[in-house]
């Protein structure tokens, strides 16, 4: 056995959501409102992810479209 001593750095949350638009369709992913609004942390697709155009946020959901694939997190 044995415990794993993982250090937790700082008080900032590691909450992230990865959302992918397949076949250029719009896709919605659950987002926890208590985390505040999402920010794009890392673009995973070749297609551009532009807030308001190919991704956005609406109460409890982050959506992506036009092939945008990205990881969203808190600021």
PDB file of N, CA and C in Angstrom:
ATOM      1  N   UNK A   1       0.814  -1.196   0.000  1.00  0.00           N
ATOM      2  CA  UNK A   1       0.000   0.000   0.000  1.00  0.00           C
ATOM      3  C   UNK A   1       0.837   1.230   0.000  1.00  0.00           C
ATOM      4  N   UNK A   2       0.445   2.185   0.838  1.00  0.00           N
ATOM      5  CA  UNK A   2       1.152   3.467   0.905  1.00  0.00           C
ATOM      6  C   UNK A   2       0.320   4.564   0.302  1.00  0.00           C
ATOM      7  N   UNK A   3       0.405   5.741   0.881  1.00  0.00           N
ATOM      8  CA  UNK A   3      -0.361   6.874   0.366  1.00  0.00           C
ATOM      9  C   UNK A   3       0.439   7.595  -0.700  1.00  0.00           C
ATOM     10  N   UNK A   4      -0.261   8.283  -1.575  1.00  0.00           N
ATOM     11  CA  UNK A   4       0.474   9.097  -2.534  1.00  0.00           C
ATOM     12  C   UNK A   4       0.460  10.543  -2.065  1.00  0.00           C
ATOM     13  N   UNK A   5       1.639  11.082  -1.806  1.00  0.00           N
ATOM     14  CA  UNK A   5       1.727  12.429  -1.277  1.00  0.00           C
ATOM     15  C   UNK A   5       1.754  13.437  -2.398  1.00  0.00           C
ATOM     16  N   UNK A   6       0.579  13.810  -2.870  1.00  0.00           N
ATOM     17  CA  UNK A   6       0.505  14.804  -3.929  1.00  0.00           C
ATOM     18  C   UNK A   6       0.353  16.186  -3.321  1.00  0.00           C
ATOM     19  N   UNK A   7       1.198  17.100  -3.729  1.00  0.00           N
ATOM     20  CA  UNK A   7       1.105  18.460  -3.204  1.00  0.00           C
ATOM     21  C   UNK A   7       0.092  19.259  -4.000  1.00  0.00           C
ATOM     22  N   UNK A   8      -0.749  19.988  -3.308  1.00  0.00           N
ATOM     23  CA  UNK A   8      -1.728  20.838  -3.981  1.00  0.00           C
ATOM     24  C   UNK A   8      -1.226  22.266  -3.925  1.00  0.00           C
ATOM     25  N   UNK A   9      -0.984  22.847  -5.085  1.00  0.00           N
ATOM     26  CA  UNK A   9      -0.402  24.181  -5.125  1.00  0.00           C
ATOM     27  C   UNK A   9      -1.454  25.267  -5.161  1.00  0.00           C
ATOM     28  N   UNK A  10      -1.383  26.177  -4.224  1.00  0.00           N
ATOM     29  CA  UNK A  10      -2.234  27.355  -4.259  1.00  0.00           C
ATOM     30  C   UNK A  10      -3.696  27.041  -4.049  1.00  0.00           C
ATOM     31  N   UNK A  11      -4.542  28.062  -4.124  1.00  0.00           N
ATOM     32  CA  UNK A  11      -5.959  27.869  -3.901  1.00  0.00           C
ATOM     33  C   UNK A  11      -6.742  27.890  -5.194  1.00  0.00           C
ATOM     34  N   UNK A  12      -6.044  27.982  -6.331  1.00  0.00           N
ATOM     35  CA  UNK A  12      -6.779  28.062  -7.589  1.00  0.00           C
ATOM     36  C   UNK A  12      -7.238  26.676  -8.019  1.00  0.00           C
ATOM     37  N   UNK A  13      -8.441  26.614  -8.554  1.00  0.00           N
ATOM     38  CA  UNK A  13      -9.044  25.340  -8.899  1.00  0.00           C
ATOM     39  C   UNK A  13      -8.453  24.793 -10.183  1.00  0.00           C
ATOM     40  N   UNK A  14      -8.411  23.483 -10.279  1.00  0.00           N
ATOM     41  CA  UNK A  14      -7.910  22.844 -11.489  1.00  0.00           C
ATOM     42  C   UNK A  14      -9.061  22.375 -12.361  1.00  0.00           C
ATOM     43  N   UNK A  15     -10.211  23.021 -12.222  1.00  0.00           N
ATOM     44  CA  UNK A  15     -11.391  22.614 -12.966  1.00  0.00           C
ATOM     45  C   UNK A  15     -11.211  22.909 -14.448  1.00  0.00           C
ATOM     46  N   UNK A  16     -11.342  21.877 -15.272  1.00  0.00           N
ATOM     47  CA  UNK A  16     -11.291  22.078 -16.720  1.00  0.00           C
ATOM     48  C   UNK A  16     -12.345  21.224 -17.396  1.00  0.00           C
ATOM     49  N   UNK A  17     -12.783  21.686 -18.551  1.00  0.00           N
ATOM     50  CA  UNK A  17     -13.727  20.951 -19.379  1.00  0.00           C
ATOM     51  C   UNK A  17     -13.181  20.953 -20.798  1.00  0.00           C
ATOM     52  N   UNK A  18     -13.125  19.782 -21.414  1.00  0.00           N
ATOM     53  CA  UNK A  18     -12.719  19.708 -22.806  1.00  0.00           C
ATOM     54  C   UNK A  18     -13.962  19.498 -23.661  1.00  0.00           C
ATOM     55  N   UNK A  19     -14.116  20.338 -24.664  1.00  0.00           N
ATOM     56  CA  UNK A  19     -15.291  20.282 -25.511  1.00  0.00           C
ATOM     57  C   UNK A  19     -14.858  20.224 -26.974  1.00  0.00           C
ATOM     58  N   UNK A  20     -15.483  19.334 -27.745  1.00  0.00           N
ATOM     59  CA  UNK A  20     -15.061  19.109 -29.123  1.00  0.00           C
ATOM     60  C   UNK A  20     -16.235  19.214 -30.080  1.00  0.00           C
ATOM     61  N   UNK A  21     -16.042  19.975 -31.140  1.00  0.00           N
ATOM     62  CA  UNK A  21     -17.021  20.044 -32.219  1.00  0.00           C
ATOM     63  C   UNK A  21     -16.651  19.015 -33.278  1.00  0.00           C
ATOM     64  N   UNK A  22     -17.494  17.999 -33.432  1.00  0.00           N
ATOM     65  CA  UNK A  22     -17.245  16.956 -34.415  1.00  0.00           C
ATOM     66  C   UNK A  22     -18.036  17.237 -35.681  1.00  0.00           C
ATOM     67  N   UNK A  23     -17.409  16.982 -36.828  1.00  0.00           N
ATOM     68  CA  UNK A  23     -18.050  17.225 -38.122  1.00  0.00           C
ATOM     69  C   UNK A  23     -18.580  18.655 -38.223  1.00  0.00           C
ATOM     70  N   UNK A  24     -17.857  19.582 -37.619  1.00  0.00           N
ATOM     71  CA  UNK A  24     -18.222  21.005 -37.652  1.00  0.00           C
ATOM     72  C   UNK A  24     -19.593  21.293 -37.054  1.00  0.00           C
ATOM     73  N   UNK A  25     -20.107  20.367 -36.262  1.00  0.00           N
ATOM     74  CA  UNK A  25     -21.399  20.604 -35.623  1.00  0.00           C
ATOM     75  C   UNK A  25     -21.202  21.296 -34.294  1.00  0.00           C
ATOM     76  N   UNK A  26     -22.244  22.020 -33.876  1.00  0.00           N
ATOM     77  CA  UNK A  26     -22.173  22.650 -32.564  1.00  0.00           C
ATOM     78  C   UNK A  26     -22.368  21.597 -31.492  1.00  0.00           C
ATOM     79  N   UNK A  27     -21.563  21.693 -30.460  1.00  0.00           N
ATOM     80  CA  UNK A  27     -21.602  20.743 -29.357  1.00  0.00           C
ATOM     81  C   UNK A  27     -21.612  21.518 -28.051  1.00  0.00           C
ATOM     82  N   UNK A  28     -22.476  21.115 -27.140  1.00  0.00           N
ATOM     83  CA  UNK A  28     -22.507  21.751 -25.829  1.00  0.00           C
ATOM     84  C   UNK A  28     -21.948  20.805 -24.784  1.00  0.00           C
ATOM     85  N   UNK A  29     -21.193  21.371 -23.847  1.00  0.00           N
ATOM     86  CA  UNK A  29     -20.635  20.584 -22.762  1.00  0.00           C
ATOM     87  C   UNK A  29     -21.018  21.230 -21.444  1.00  0.00           C
ATOM     88  N   UNK A  30     -21.249  20.392 -20.437  1.00  0.00           N
ATOM     89  CA  UNK A  30     -21.617  20.921 -19.128  1.00  0.00           C
ATOM     90  C   UNK A  30     -20.495  21.750 -18.530  1.00  0.00           C
ATOM     91  N   UNK A  31     -20.885  22.861 -17.933  1.00  0.00           N
ATOM     92  CA  UNK A  31     -19.940  23.709 -17.230  1.00  0.00           C
ATOM     93  C   UNK A  31     -20.515  24.045 -15.864  1.00  0.00           C
ATOM     94  N   UNK A  32     -19.695  23.918 -14.837  1.00  0.00           N
ATOM     95  CA  UNK A  32     -20.141  24.217 -13.478  1.00  0.00           C
ATOM     96  C   UNK A  32     -20.101  25.725 -13.241  1.00  0.00           C
ATOM     97  N   UNK A  33     -21.288  26.322 -13.145  1.00  0.00           N
ATOM     98  CA  UNK A  33     -21.409  27.771 -12.975  1.00  0.00           C
ATOM     99  C   UNK A  33     -20.631  28.310 -11.778  1.00  0.00           C
ATOM    100  N   UNK A  34     -20.494  27.485 -10.751  1.00  0.00           N
ATOM    101  CA  UNK A  34     -19.838  27.968  -9.536  1.00  0.00           C
ATOM    102  C   UNK A  34     -18.366  28.276  -9.767  1.00  0.00           C
ATOM    103  N   UNK A  35     -17.830  27.788 -10.896  1.00  0.00           N
ATOM    104  CA  UNK A  35     -16.418  28.027 -11.209  1.00  0.00           C
ATOM    105  C   UNK A  35     -16.213  29.385 -11.883  1.00  0.00           C
ATOM    106  N   UNK A  36     -17.301  30.102 -12.128  1.00  0.00           N
ATOM    107  CA  UNK A  36     -17.169  31.347 -12.870  1.00  0.00           C
ATOM    108  C   UNK A  36     -17.276  31.064 -14.355  1.00  0.00           C
ATOM    109  N   UNK A  37     -16.947  32.065 -15.180  1.00  0.00           N
ATOM    110  CA  UNK A  37     -17.075  31.808 -16.611  1.00  0.00           C
ATOM    111  C   UNK A  37     -15.803  31.171 -17.164  1.00  0.00           C
ATOM    112  N   UNK A  38     -15.964  30.312 -18.167  1.00  0.00           N
ATOM    113  CA  UNK A  38     -14.804  29.608 -18.705  1.00  0.00           C
ATOM    114  C   UNK A  38     -13.900  30.515 -19.535  1.00  0.00           C
ATOM    115  N   UNK A  39     -12.626  30.174 -19.540  1.00  0.00           N
ATOM    116  CA  UNK A  39     -11.675  30.812 -20.438  1.00  0.00           C
ATOM    117  C   UNK A  39     -10.982  29.706 -21.229  1.00  0.00           C
ATOM    118  N   UNK A  40     -10.629  29.999 -22.450  1.00  0.00           N
ATOM    119  CA  UNK A  40      -9.965  29.013 -23.285  1.00  0.00           C
ATOM    120  C   UNK A  40      -8.541  28.836 -22.783  1.00  0.00           C
ATOM    121  N   UNK A  41      -8.229  27.633 -22.327  1.00  0.00           N
ATOM    122  CA  UNK A  41      -6.887  27.377 -21.809  1.00  0.00           C
ATOM    123  C   UNK A  41      -5.971  26.818 -22.888  1.00  0.00           C
ATOM    124  N   UNK A  42      -6.498  25.877 -23.663  1.00  0.00           N
ATOM    125  CA  UNK A  42      -5.651  25.280 -24.694  1.00  0.00           C
ATOM    126  C   UNK A  42      -6.498  24.850 -25.878  1.00  0.00           C
ATOM    127  N   UNK A  43      -6.148  25.332 -27.053  1.00  0.00           N
ATOM    128  CA  UNK A  43      -6.827  24.907 -28.276  1.00  0.00           C
ATOM    129  C   UNK A  43      -6.228  23.586 -28.729  1.00  0.00           C
ATOM    130  N   UNK A  44      -7.101  22.605 -28.975  1.00  0.00           N
ATOM    131  CA  UNK A  44      -6.643  21.265 -29.318  1.00  0.00           C
ATOM    132  C   UNK A  44      -6.874  20.941 -30.788  1.00  0.00           C
ATOM    133  N   UNK A  45      -7.541  21.844 -31.493  1.00  0.00           N
ATOM    134  CA  UNK A  45      -7.917  21.576 -32.880  1.00  0.00           C
ATOM    135  C   UNK A  45      -7.089  22.408 -33.837  1.00  0.00           C
ATOM    136  N   UNK A  46      -7.122  22.018 -35.102  1.00  0.00           N
ATOM    137  CA  UNK A  46      -6.501  22.835 -36.137  1.00  0.00           C
ATOM    138  C   UNK A  46      -7.373  24.040 -36.452  1.00  0.00           C
ATOM    139  N   UNK A  47      -8.675  23.889 -36.238  1.00  0.00           N
ATOM    140  CA  UNK A  47      -9.590  24.990 -36.502  1.00  0.00           C
ATOM    141  C   UNK A  47      -9.514  26.013 -35.378  1.00  0.00           C
ATOM    142  N   UNK A  48      -9.673  27.268 -35.750  1.00  0.00           N
ATOM    143  CA  UNK A  48      -9.570  28.334 -34.766  1.00  0.00           C
ATOM    144  C   UNK A  48     -10.744  28.308 -33.799  1.00  0.00           C
ATOM    145  N   UNK A  49     -10.445  28.577 -32.537  1.00  0.00           N
ATOM    146  CA  UNK A  49     -11.482  28.731 -31.523  1.00  0.00           C
ATOM    147  C   UNK A  49     -11.544  30.205 -31.149  1.00  0.00           C
ATOM    148  N   UNK A  50     -12.601  30.869 -31.580  1.00  0.00           N
ATOM    149  CA  UNK A  50     -12.767  32.295 -31.302  1.00  0.00           C
ATOM    150  C   UNK A  50     -14.016  32.494 -30.478  1.00  0.00           C
ATOM    151  N   UNK A  51     -13.848  33.106 -29.313  1.00  0.00           N
ATOM    152  CA  UNK A  51     -14.999  33.322 -28.438  1.00  0.00           C
ATOM    153  C   UNK A  51     -16.049  34.164 -29.148  1.00  0.00           C
ATOM    154  N   UNK A  52     -17.292  33.741 -29.045  1.00  0.00           N
ATOM    155  CA  UNK A  52     -18.381  34.457 -29.672  1.00  0.00           C
ATOM    156  C   UNK A  52     -18.645  34.009 -31.108  1.00  0.00           C
ATOM    157  N   UNK A  53     -17.680  33.312 -31.687  1.00  0.00           N
ATOM    158  CA  UNK A  53     -17.861  32.816 -33.049  1.00  0.00           C
ATOM    159  C   UNK A  53     -17.895  31.301 -33.088  1.00  0.00           C
ATOM    160  N   UNK A  54     -16.826  30.675 -32.604  1.00  0.00           N
ATOM    161  CA  UNK A  54     -16.784  29.217 -32.652  1.00  0.00           C
ATOM    162  C   UNK A  54     -16.827  28.582 -31.271  1.00  0.00           C
ATOM    163  N   UNK A  55     -16.887  29.411 -30.245  1.00  0.00           N
ATOM    164  CA  UNK A  55     -17.181  28.878 -28.919  1.00  0.00           C
ATOM    165  C   UNK A  55     -17.812  29.972 -28.076  1.00  0.00           C
ATOM    166  N   UNK A  56     -18.503  29.557 -27.040  1.00  0.00           N
ATOM    167  CA  UNK A  56     -19.155  30.533 -26.190  1.00  0.00           C
ATOM    168  C   UNK A  56     -19.672  29.878 -24.920  1.00  0.00           C
ATOM    169  N   UNK A  57     -20.250  30.709 -24.090  1.00  0.00           N
ATOM    170  CA  UNK A  57     -20.714  30.241 -22.791  1.00  0.00           C
ATOM    171  C   UNK A  57     -22.135  30.719 -22.565  1.00  0.00           C
ATOM    172  N   UNK A  58     -22.974  29.794 -22.130  1.00  0.00           N
ATOM    173  CA  UNK A  58     -24.301  30.175 -21.691  1.00  0.00           C
ATOM    174  C   UNK A  58     -24.656  29.314 -20.492  1.00  0.00           C
ATOM    175  N   UNK A  59     -25.203  29.957 -19.493  1.00  0.00           N
ATOM    176  CA  UNK A  59     -25.527  29.327 -18.202  1.00  0.00           C
ATOM    177  C   UNK A  59     -25.400  27.802 -18.137  1.00  0.00           C
ATOM    178  N   UNK A  60     -24.325  27.354 -17.537  1.00  0.00           N
ATOM    179  CA  UNK A  60     -24.159  25.931 -17.293  1.00  0.00           C
ATOM    180  C   UNK A  60     -23.665  25.126 -18.477  1.00  0.00           C
ATOM    181  N   UNK A  61     -23.390  25.817 -19.579  1.00  0.00           N
ATOM    182  CA  UNK A  61     -22.904  25.123 -20.768  1.00  0.00           C
ATOM    183  C   UNK A  61     -21.832  25.932 -21.471  1.00  0.00           C
ATOM    184  N   UNK A  62     -20.821  25.223 -21.952  1.00  0.00           N
ATOM    185  CA  UNK A  62     -19.889  25.835 -22.894  1.00  0.00           C
ATOM    186  C   UNK A  62     -20.120  25.137 -24.228  1.00  0.00           C
ATOM    187  N   UNK A  63     -20.192  25.910 -25.308  1.00  0.00           N
ATOM    188  CA  UNK A  63     -20.455  25.310 -26.620  1.00  0.00           C
ATOM    189  C   UNK A  63     -19.298  25.611 -27.567  1.00  0.00           C
ATOM    190  N   UNK A  64     -19.114  24.675 -28.497  1.00  0.00           N
ATOM    191  CA  UNK A  64     -18.112  24.856 -29.547  1.00  0.00           C
ATOM    192  C   UNK A  64     -18.766  24.507 -30.882  1.00  0.00           C
ATOM    193  N   UNK A  65     -18.237  25.064 -31.959  1.00  0.00           N
ATOM    194  CA  UNK A  65     -18.763  24.768 -33.294  1.00  0.00           C
ATOM    195  C   UNK A  65     -17.654  24.927 -34.328  1.00  0.00           C
ATOM    196  N   UNK A  66     -17.971  24.581 -35.571  1.00  0.00           N
ATOM    197  CA  UNK A  66     -17.031  24.736 -36.688  1.00  0.00           C
ATOM    198  C   UNK A  66     -15.687  24.060 -36.460  1.00  0.00           C
ATOM    199  N   UNK A  67     -15.706  22.905 -35.786  1.00  0.00           N
ATOM    200  CA  UNK A  67     -14.482  22.133 -35.638  1.00  0.00           C
ATOM    201  C   UNK A  67     -13.578  22.586 -34.507  1.00  0.00           C
ATOM    202  N   UNK A  68     -14.025  23.578 -33.748  1.00  0.00           N
ATOM    203  CA  UNK A  68     -13.223  24.003 -32.594  1.00  0.00           C
ATOM    204  C   UNK A  68     -13.192  22.895 -31.550  1.00  0.00           C
ATOM    205  N   UNK A  69     -11.992  22.624 -31.054  1.00  0.00           N
ATOM    206  CA  UNK A  69     -11.826  21.654 -29.975  1.00  0.00           C
ATOM    207  C   UNK A  69     -10.860  22.274 -28.993  1.00  0.00           C
ATOM    208  N   UNK A  70     -11.274  22.398 -27.747  1.00  0.00           N
ATOM    209  CA  UNK A  70     -10.439  23.126 -26.803  1.00  0.00           C
ATOM    210  C   UNK A  70     -10.704  22.682 -25.377  1.00  0.00           C
ATOM    211  N   UNK A  71      -9.727  22.977 -24.542  1.00  0.00           N
ATOM    212  CA  UNK A  71      -9.892  22.779 -23.110  1.00  0.00           C
ATOM    213  C   UNK A  71     -10.160  24.114 -22.472  1.00  0.00           C
ATOM    214  N   UNK A  72     -11.208  24.167 -21.693  1.00  0.00           N
ATOM    215  CA  UNK A  72     -11.600  25.393 -21.016  1.00  0.00           C
ATOM    216  C   UNK A  72     -11.378  25.232 -19.523  1.00  0.00           C
ATOM    217  N   UNK A  73     -10.968  26.303 -18.906  1.00  0.00           N
ATOM    218  CA  UNK A  73     -10.737  26.269 -17.479  1.00  0.00           C
ATOM    219  C   UNK A  73     -11.119  27.593 -16.860  1.00  0.00           C
ATOM    220  N   UNK A  74     -10.710  27.751 -15.594  1.00  0.00           N
ATOM    221  CA  UNK A  74     -10.986  28.992 -14.899  1.00  0.00           C
ATOM    222  C   UNK A  74      -9.786  29.903 -15.028  1.00  0.00           C
ATOM    223  N   UNK A  75     -10.002  31.173 -14.884  1.00  0.00           N
ATOM    224  CA  UNK A  75      -8.940  32.148 -15.096  1.00  0.00           C
ATOM    225  C   UNK A  75      -7.828  31.995 -14.066  1.00  0.00           C
TER     226      UNK A  75
END
